[in-house]
Protein backbone atom coordinates (compact mmCIF):
# COMPACT_ATOMS: atom_id res chain seq x y z
CA UNK A 1 -0.17 -0.03 0.02
CA UNK A 2 1.28 3.39 -0.83
CA UNK A 3 1.73 5.95 2.02
CA UNK A 4 -0.96 8.45 2.46
CA UNK A 5 0.62 11.84 1.49
CA UNK A 6 -0.80 15.66 2.88
CA UNK A 7 0.91 18.38 1.30
CA UNK A 8 3.62 16.19 -0.13
CA UNK A 9 4.60 14.68 3.11
CA UNK A 10 3.90 10.82 3.60
CA UNK A 11 1.87 10.58 6.74
CA UNK A 12 3.58 9.10 9.87
CA UNK A 13 3.22 4.83 9.57
CA UNK A 14 1.67 4.89 12.97
CA UNK A 15 -1.06 7.56 11.76
CA UNK A 16 -1.82 5.85 8.49
CA UNK A 17 -2.55 2.44 10.28
CA UNK A 18 -4.59 4.13 12.72
CA UNK A 19 -6.75 5.89 9.83
CA UNK A 20 -7.13 2.90 7.89
CA UNK A 21 -8.16 0.75 11.12
CA UNK A 22 -10.83 3.66 11.99
CA UNK A 23 -8.39 4.08 15.25
CA UNK A 24 -7.58 8.03 15.11
CA UNK A 25 -10.18 9.24 17.14
CA UNK A 26 -10.46 11.70 19.48
CA UNK A 27 -9.71 10.88 23.03
CA UNK A 28 -11.72 13.38 24.81
CA UNK A 29 -10.55 16.52 26.34
CA UNK A 30 -9.21 15.00 29.85
CA UNK A 31 -6.70 12.89 27.97
CA UNK A 32 -5.38 16.10 25.76
CA UNK A 33 -5.50 18.05 28.81
CA UNK A 34 -3.23 15.44 30.19
CA UNK A 35 -0.91 15.13 27.40
CA UNK A 36 -0.66 18.85 26.35
CA UNK A 37 -1.36 20.75 29.84
CA UNK A 38 -0.70 24.09 28.52
CA UNK A 39 -3.25 23.54 25.37
CA UNK A 40 -6.74 25.45 26.67
CA UNK A 41 -8.94 25.23 23.79
CA UNK A 42 -10.55 21.98 22.67
CA UNK A 43 -9.60 20.10 19.50
CA UNK A 44 -10.52 17.97 17.05
CA UNK A 45 -8.00 15.16 15.44
CA UNK A 46 -8.61 15.13 11.91
CA UNK A 47 -9.84 11.83 10.95
CA UNK A 48 -8.41 11.59 7.41
CA UNK A 49 -5.83 12.89 4.93
CA UNK A 50 -8.20 15.03 3.07
CA UNK A 51 -9.43 17.02 6.24
CA UNK A 52 -5.74 17.47 6.65
CA UNK A 53 -5.04 19.16 3.72
CA UNK A 54 -8.51 21.19 3.78
CA UNK A 55 -7.59 22.56 7.13
CA UNK A 56 -3.59 22.93 6.25
CA UNK A 57 -4.59 25.26 3.19
CA UNK A 58 -5.26 28.05 6.19
CA UNK A 59 -1.65 27.81 7.00
CA UNK A 60 -0.93 29.46 3.42
CA UNK A 61 -3.24 32.27 4.31
CA UNK A 62 -2.10 33.07 7.62
CA UNK A 63 2.10 32.97 5.89
CA UNK A 64 0.96 35.17 3.17
CA UNK A 65 -0.70 37.93 4.68
CA UNK A 66 0.22 40.40 7.21
CA UNK A 67 -1.12 37.69 9.99
CA UNK A 68 1.67 35.40 9.52
CA UNK A 69 3.59 37.51 12.13
CA UNK A 70 0.94 37.22 14.64
CA UNK A 71 0.25 33.22 13.99
CA UNK A 72 4.48 32.53 13.41
CA UNK A 73 3.76 31.17 10.58
CA UNK A 74 5.87 31.43 7.75
CA UNK A 75 7.42 29.52 4.20
CA UNK A 76 10.85 28.49 4.57
CA UNK A 77 11.69 28.81 1.29
CA UNK A 78 11.22 32.44 1.64
CA UNK A 79 13.85 33.08 4.04
CA UNK A 80 17.31 33.30 4.41
CA UNK A 81 17.95 31.23 7.51
CA UNK A 82 16.23 28.04 8.52
CA UNK A 83 12.78 28.77 10.30
CA UNK A 84 12.92 27.32 13.88
CA UNK A 85 10.36 26.54 16.79
CA UNK A 86 8.73 29.22 17.77
CA UNK A 87 7.85 29.47 14.06
CA UNK A 88 6.17 26.94 12.21
CA UNK A 89 7.37 26.32 8.53
CA UNK A 90 4.46 25.60 6.58
CA UNK A 91 6.16 24.00 4.01
CA UNK A 92 7.09 21.28 6.54
CA UNK A 93 4.05 20.87 8.28
CA UNK A 94 0.49 19.53 8.06
CA UNK A 95 -2.06 20.27 10.53
CA UNK A 96 -3.42 16.97 12.21
CA UNK A 97 -5.75 18.92 14.90
CA UNK A 98 -7.96 21.93 14.82
CA UNK A 99 -10.00 23.88 17.03
CA UNK A 100 -13.27 22.58 17.84
CA UNK A 101 -14.86 26.08 18.25
CA UNK A 102 -15.13 28.53 15.13
CA UNK A 103 -12.47 30.65 15.66
CA UNK A 104 -10.08 29.53 17.97
CA UNK A 105 -7.63 29.36 15.38
CA UNK A 106 -5.14 26.90 17.22
CA UNK A 107 -4.06 23.64 16.48
CA UNK A 108 -1.38 20.74 15.98
CA UNK A 109 1.00 20.08 13.33
CA UNK A 110 3.10 17.65 12.51
CA UNK A 111 6.73 18.95 12.03
CA UNK A 112 8.45 17.65 9.44
CA UNK A 113 11.98 19.62 10.01
CA UNK A 114 12.25 16.87 12.70
CA UNK A 115 12.29 13.80 10.70
CA UNK A 116 10.20 12.90 7.60
CA UNK A 117 9.07 9.34 8.92
CA UNK A 118 8.43 10.70 12.64
CA UNK A 119 8.17 14.02 12.72
CA UNK A 120 7.59 15.95 15.99
CA UNK A 121 4.01 16.92 16.91
CA UNK A 122 3.69 20.78 17.79
CA UNK A 123 0.87 23.11 19.07
CA UNK A 124 -0.14 26.84 18.81
CA UNK A 125 0.19 28.54 22.14
CA UNK A 126 -1.68 31.30 22.73
CA UNK A 127 -1.76 31.10 26.17
CA UNK A 128 1.74 31.40 27.83
CA UNK A 129 2.38 34.92 26.30
CA UNK A 130 -1.07 36.15 25.58
CA UNK A 131 -1.01 38.48 22.56
CA UNK A 132 1.49 35.99 20.58
CA UNK A 133 1.53 32.69 19.12
CA UNK A 134 4.44 30.28 19.84
CA UNK A 135 4.58 27.06 18.25
CA UNK A 136 5.90 24.74 20.74
CA UNK A 137 6.71 20.56 21.00
CA UNK A 138 3.71 18.66 22.26
CA UNK A 139 5.80 15.17 21.45
CA UNK A 140 9.49 14.70 20.06
CA UNK A 141 7.83 12.31 17.56
CA UNK A 142 4.25 11.26 16.35
CA UNK A 143 4.92 7.62 17.83
CA UNK A 144 5.41 8.93 21.08
CA UNK A 145 2.21 11.07 20.76
CA UNK A 146 0.55 8.31 19.66
CA UNK A 147 1.55 6.67 23.04
CA UNK A 148 0.90 9.54 25.28
CA UNK A 149 -2.67 9.37 24.10
CA UNK A 150 -3.18 5.64 24.56
CA UNK A 151 -4.14 5.31 20.95
């Protein structure tokens, strides 16, 4: 079977397996709060590559307009030095979870800058320093993230 891809990136094998088996399901707010205690807004996991592709397009909008600075999203190919956290390189990212409430504009992303086969998971943090978004590590790898969720 060919790997599932989103925005040109192969989804990690554990994610593909969970999707194929119908097990990439919302673990519930209590589990997410234990795994990401600093994340305050409710999230919904994106259940398939089509949803991930659709939702990830929002990063293009933010990176291509003046709000990109606020959301700390940019295109790595358009800068002279590598983008590092707290910035998200949208060309190396795929959203896997987004805000449940309309207008919260938060999410979790696979960050392929670390490993193309088992990328880290990062989340948008608007709560540590109100008024600015900082992308920060949720888990060093997707595999670790899945294990922490109990999936």
